[in-house]
Amino acid sequence: MRSFGIEEEFFILEPLAGLPRVPIASARAELLALTAGGTRTHSEFLACQLEGIGPICTQGAEALESAQAYRTVLPGTGVIRRWPWEPHRASRALQPS
């Protein structure tokens, strides 16, 4: 029997400018602790990037269910709603002079 898994990459963006942003340490820790539908969150190369790693599956429906459960929970975290960002050099360009 063949098995497979799904890995998804997510970039954290500042909502108004749409630029990549690094969340503060406590928000990042909350995101990295997130699990849903058998999918776990891991850090990636960029600090503004996260990876959702799904369970090993043998059926397409099983993989879809896991991915959908994770995608449903991710936006509902307090982290996503609060937008706690660390200062970023690009932010200066966004501020009125």
N, C-alpha and C. Protein backbone atom coordinates (compact mmCIF):
# COMPACT_ATOMS: atom_id res chain seq x y z
N MET A 1 0.84 -1.18 0.00
CA MET A 1 0.00 0.00 0.00
C MET A 1 0.89 1.24 0.00
N ARG A 2 0.54 2.19 -0.83
CA ARG A 2 1.31 3.44 -0.90
C ARG A 2 0.83 4.42 0.16
N SER A 3 1.74 5.24 0.62
CA SER A 3 1.38 6.27 1.60
C SER A 3 1.97 7.60 1.14
N PHE A 4 1.40 8.67 1.65
CA PHE A 4 1.84 10.01 1.27
C PHE A 4 1.45 10.99 2.38
N GLY A 5 1.96 12.18 2.28
CA GLY A 5 1.62 13.23 3.24
C GLY A 5 1.55 14.56 2.52
N ILE A 6 1.00 15.55 3.20
CA ILE A 6 0.87 16.90 2.64
C ILE A 6 1.66 17.86 3.52
N GLU A 7 2.48 18.67 2.88
CA GLU A 7 3.17 19.76 3.56
C GLU A 7 2.74 21.05 2.88
N GLU A 8 2.33 22.02 3.69
CA GLU A 8 1.90 23.31 3.16
C GLU A 8 2.76 24.42 3.75
N GLU A 9 3.10 25.37 2.92
CA GLU A 9 3.87 26.53 3.36
C GLU A 9 2.93 27.71 3.52
N PHE A 10 3.10 28.44 4.63
CA PHE A 10 2.30 29.63 4.88
C PHE A 10 3.23 30.80 5.17
N PHE A 11 2.97 31.92 4.53
CA PHE A 11 3.73 33.14 4.79
C PHE A 11 2.87 34.07 5.63
N ILE A 12 3.47 34.66 6.64
CA ILE A 12 2.78 35.61 7.51
C ILE A 12 2.98 36.99 6.92
N LEU A 13 1.87 37.65 6.63
CA LEU A 13 1.92 38.96 6.00
C LEU A 13 1.27 40.02 6.88
N GLU A 14 1.79 41.23 6.82
CA GLU A 14 1.18 42.37 7.49
C GLU A 14 -0.09 42.66 6.70
N PRO A 15 -1.24 42.77 7.37
CA PRO A 15 -2.51 42.82 6.65
C PRO A 15 -2.74 44.05 5.79
N LEU A 16 -2.23 45.20 6.15
CA LEU A 16 -2.51 46.40 5.37
C LEU A 16 -1.60 46.52 4.15
N ALA A 17 -0.32 46.24 4.34
CA ALA A 17 0.63 46.40 3.24
C ALA A 17 0.84 45.10 2.45
N GLY A 18 0.52 43.97 3.07
CA GLY A 18 0.75 42.70 2.41
C GLY A 18 2.20 42.29 2.34
N LEU A 19 3.02 42.88 3.20
CA LEU A 19 4.45 42.56 3.23
C LEU A 19 4.72 41.45 4.25
N PRO A 20 5.72 40.61 4.00
CA PRO A 20 6.07 39.57 4.98
C PRO A 20 6.46 40.22 6.30
N ARG A 21 6.00 39.63 7.41
CA ARG A 21 6.32 40.15 8.73
C ARG A 21 6.67 39.01 9.67
N VAL A 22 7.48 39.32 10.65
CA VAL A 22 7.89 38.35 11.66
C VAL A 22 7.05 38.59 12.91
N PRO A 23 6.31 37.58 13.38
CA PRO A 23 5.52 37.77 14.60
C PRO A 23 6.42 37.84 15.83
N ILE A 24 5.93 38.48 16.89
CA ILE A 24 6.70 38.53 18.13
C ILE A 24 6.86 37.11 18.66
N ALA A 25 7.81 36.91 19.56
CA ALA A 25 8.17 35.57 20.03
C ALA A 25 6.98 34.79 20.61
N SER A 26 6.15 35.45 21.40
CA SER A 26 5.02 34.73 22.01
C SER A 26 4.00 34.30 20.96
N ALA A 27 3.79 35.13 19.95
CA ALA A 27 2.87 34.78 18.87
C ALA A 27 3.44 33.63 18.04
N ARG A 28 4.73 33.69 17.78
CA ARG A 28 5.38 32.62 17.02
C ARG A 28 5.27 31.29 17.77
N ALA A 29 5.49 31.33 19.08
CA ALA A 29 5.38 30.12 19.90
C ALA A 29 3.97 29.55 19.84
N GLU A 30 2.97 30.43 19.87
CA GLU A 30 1.58 29.98 19.80
C GLU A 30 1.29 29.31 18.45
N LEU A 31 1.80 29.90 17.38
CA LEU A 31 1.61 29.31 16.06
C LEU A 31 2.31 27.95 15.94
N LEU A 32 3.53 27.87 16.47
CA LEU A 32 4.29 26.61 16.38
C LEU A 32 3.69 25.50 17.24
N ALA A 33 2.89 25.86 18.23
CA ALA A 33 2.23 24.85 19.07
C ALA A 33 0.93 24.34 18.44
N LEU A 34 0.50 24.97 17.37
CA LEU A 34 -0.77 24.62 16.74
C LEU A 34 -0.73 23.25 16.06
N THR A 35 -1.72 22.43 16.38
CA THR A 35 -1.94 21.16 15.69
C THR A 35 -3.45 21.02 15.45
N ALA A 36 -3.80 20.42 14.33
CA ALA A 36 -5.21 20.18 14.03
C ALA A 36 -5.29 19.13 12.93
N GLY A 37 -6.22 18.21 13.06
CA GLY A 37 -6.41 17.20 12.05
C GLY A 37 -5.17 16.34 11.81
N GLY A 38 -4.33 16.22 12.81
CA GLY A 38 -3.10 15.45 12.66
C GLY A 38 -1.96 16.24 12.03
N THR A 39 -2.21 17.51 11.67
CA THR A 39 -1.19 18.36 11.07
C THR A 39 -0.50 19.15 12.17
N ARG A 40 0.83 19.19 12.10
CA ARG A 40 1.65 19.93 13.06
C ARG A 40 2.28 21.14 12.37
N THR A 41 2.58 22.15 13.14
CA THR A 41 3.21 23.36 12.60
C THR A 41 4.70 23.34 12.92
N HIS A 42 5.50 23.67 11.92
CA HIS A 42 6.95 23.75 12.07
C HIS A 42 7.44 25.09 11.52
N SER A 43 8.60 25.52 12.00
CA SER A 43 9.19 26.74 11.47
C SER A 43 9.86 26.41 10.14
N GLU A 44 10.12 27.42 9.38
CA GLU A 44 10.75 27.28 8.08
C GLU A 44 11.99 28.16 8.03
N PHE A 45 12.61 28.20 6.87
CA PHE A 45 13.84 28.97 6.69
C PHE A 45 13.65 30.44 7.03
N LEU A 46 12.57 31.04 6.54
CA LEU A 46 12.30 32.45 6.83
C LEU A 46 11.48 32.57 8.11
N ALA A 47 11.74 33.58 8.91
CA ALA A 47 11.02 33.76 10.17
C ALA A 47 9.55 34.13 9.95
N CYS A 48 9.21 34.59 8.76
CA CYS A 48 7.82 34.94 8.44
C CYS A 48 7.09 33.77 7.77
N GLN A 49 7.69 32.60 7.81
CA GLN A 49 7.13 31.44 7.12
C GLN A 49 6.92 30.28 8.09
N LEU A 50 5.80 29.58 7.93
CA LEU A 50 5.49 28.39 8.72
C LEU A 50 5.16 27.25 7.78
N GLU A 51 5.29 26.04 8.29
CA GLU A 51 4.96 24.87 7.49
C GLU A 51 3.99 23.99 8.27
N GLY A 52 2.93 23.59 7.61
CA GLY A 52 2.00 22.62 8.17
C GLY A 52 2.34 21.25 7.62
N ILE A 53 2.68 20.32 8.49
CA ILE A 53 3.07 18.97 8.06
C ILE A 53 1.98 18.00 8.48
N GLY A 54 1.31 17.45 7.48
CA GLY A 54 0.20 16.54 7.74
C GLY A 54 0.65 15.13 8.07
N PRO A 55 -0.28 14.31 8.52
CA PRO A 55 0.03 12.94 8.86
C PRO A 55 0.27 12.09 7.60
N ILE A 56 0.85 10.93 7.78
CA ILE A 56 1.01 9.99 6.68
C ILE A 56 -0.37 9.41 6.37
N CYS A 57 -0.76 9.47 5.11
CA CYS A 57 -2.10 9.06 4.69
C CYS A 57 -2.01 7.95 3.63
N THR A 58 -3.09 7.21 3.49
CA THR A 58 -3.18 6.21 2.43
C THR A 58 -4.36 6.47 1.51
N GLN A 59 -5.22 7.41 1.88
CA GLN A 59 -6.40 7.75 1.09
C GLN A 59 -6.46 9.26 0.88
N GLY A 60 -6.91 9.67 -0.30
CA GLY A 60 -7.03 11.09 -0.59
C GLY A 60 -7.99 11.81 0.34
N ALA A 61 -9.10 11.15 0.67
CA ALA A 61 -10.09 11.77 1.56
C ALA A 61 -9.50 12.03 2.94
N GLU A 62 -8.67 11.14 3.40
CA GLU A 62 -8.00 11.29 4.70
C GLU A 62 -7.08 12.52 4.69
N ALA A 63 -6.33 12.69 3.62
CA ALA A 63 -5.41 13.84 3.50
C ALA A 63 -6.19 15.14 3.40
N LEU A 64 -7.27 15.13 2.63
CA LEU A 64 -8.10 16.32 2.47
C LEU A 64 -8.72 16.73 3.80
N GLU A 65 -9.21 15.78 4.56
CA GLU A 65 -9.81 16.06 5.86
C GLU A 65 -8.79 16.70 6.81
N SER A 66 -7.58 16.17 6.82
CA SER A 66 -6.52 16.72 7.67
C SER A 66 -6.17 18.14 7.27
N ALA A 67 -5.99 18.38 5.97
CA ALA A 67 -5.63 19.71 5.48
C ALA A 67 -6.74 20.71 5.77
N GLN A 68 -7.97 20.32 5.57
CA GLN A 68 -9.09 21.23 5.82
C GLN A 68 -9.22 21.56 7.31
N ALA A 69 -9.00 20.58 8.17
CA ALA A 69 -9.07 20.83 9.62
C ALA A 69 -8.01 21.85 10.03
N TYR A 70 -6.80 21.71 9.52
CA TYR A 70 -5.72 22.62 9.86
C TYR A 70 -6.01 24.03 9.33
N ARG A 71 -6.45 24.12 8.08
CA ARG A 71 -6.74 25.41 7.47
C ARG A 71 -7.89 26.12 8.18
N THR A 72 -8.80 25.37 8.78
CA THR A 72 -9.91 25.95 9.51
C THR A 72 -9.45 26.54 10.84
N VAL A 73 -8.53 25.87 11.52
CA VAL A 73 -8.07 26.30 12.83
C VAL A 73 -7.04 27.42 12.75
N LEU A 74 -6.19 27.41 11.75
CA LEU A 74 -5.11 28.39 11.65
C LEU A 74 -5.59 29.84 11.71
N PRO A 75 -6.56 30.26 10.90
CA PRO A 75 -6.99 31.66 10.98
C PRO A 75 -7.71 32.01 12.28
N GLY A 76 -8.20 31.02 13.01
CA GLY A 76 -8.93 31.27 14.24
C GLY A 76 -8.05 31.49 15.45
N THR A 77 -6.74 31.35 15.31
CA THR A 77 -5.86 31.56 16.45
C THR A 77 -5.86 33.03 16.83
N GLY A 78 -5.67 33.30 18.09
CA GLY A 78 -5.57 34.69 18.54
C GLY A 78 -4.42 35.41 17.88
N VAL A 79 -3.41 34.67 17.49
CA VAL A 79 -2.23 35.27 16.86
C VAL A 79 -2.62 35.93 15.56
N ILE A 80 -3.38 35.25 14.75
CA ILE A 80 -3.76 35.80 13.46
C ILE A 80 -4.66 37.02 13.64
N ARG A 81 -5.52 37.02 14.61
CA ARG A 81 -6.42 38.15 14.83
C ARG A 81 -5.71 39.36 15.42
N ARG A 82 -4.70 39.14 16.27
CA ARG A 82 -4.03 40.26 16.96
C ARG A 82 -2.99 40.95 16.09
N TRP A 83 -2.40 40.26 15.13
CA TRP A 83 -1.33 40.79 14.29
C TRP A 83 -0.21 41.41 15.11
N PRO A 84 0.43 40.65 16.00
CA PRO A 84 1.53 41.20 16.81
C PRO A 84 2.86 41.10 16.06
N TRP A 85 3.28 42.17 15.50
CA TRP A 85 4.48 42.13 14.67
C TRP A 85 5.65 42.80 15.33
N GLU A 86 6.82 42.31 15.00
CA GLU A 86 8.05 42.97 15.41
C GLU A 86 8.29 44.12 14.43
N PRO A 87 8.98 45.16 14.89
CA PRO A 87 9.29 46.26 13.98
C PRO A 87 10.08 45.74 12.77
N HIS A 88 9.86 46.35 11.65
CA HIS A 88 10.51 45.91 10.42
C HIS A 88 10.93 47.16 9.66
N ARG A 89 12.08 47.12 9.03
CA ARG A 89 12.57 48.30 8.30
C ARG A 89 11.58 48.79 7.25
N ALA A 90 10.90 47.89 6.60
CA ALA A 90 9.94 48.28 5.56
C ALA A 90 8.78 49.08 6.13
N SER A 91 8.53 48.95 7.44
CA SER A 91 7.40 49.66 8.07
C SER A 91 7.57 51.17 7.94
N ARG A 92 8.77 51.67 7.95
CA ARG A 92 9.00 53.11 7.85
C ARG A 92 8.42 53.66 6.55
N ALA A 93 8.52 52.90 5.49
CA ALA A 93 8.01 53.36 4.20
C ALA A 93 6.48 53.43 4.22
N LEU A 94 5.85 52.72 5.12
CA LEU A 94 4.40 52.68 5.19
C LEU A 94 3.83 53.80 6.04
N GLN A 95 4.67 54.41 6.87
CA GLN A 95 4.18 55.44 7.79
C GLN A 95 4.17 56.80 7.10
N PRO A 96 3.12 57.60 7.37
CA PRO A 96 3.09 58.95 6.77
C PRO A 96 4.24 59.79 7.32
N SER A 97 4.76 60.66 6.48
CA SER A 97 5.90 61.50 6.93
C SER A 97 5.42 62.81 7.52
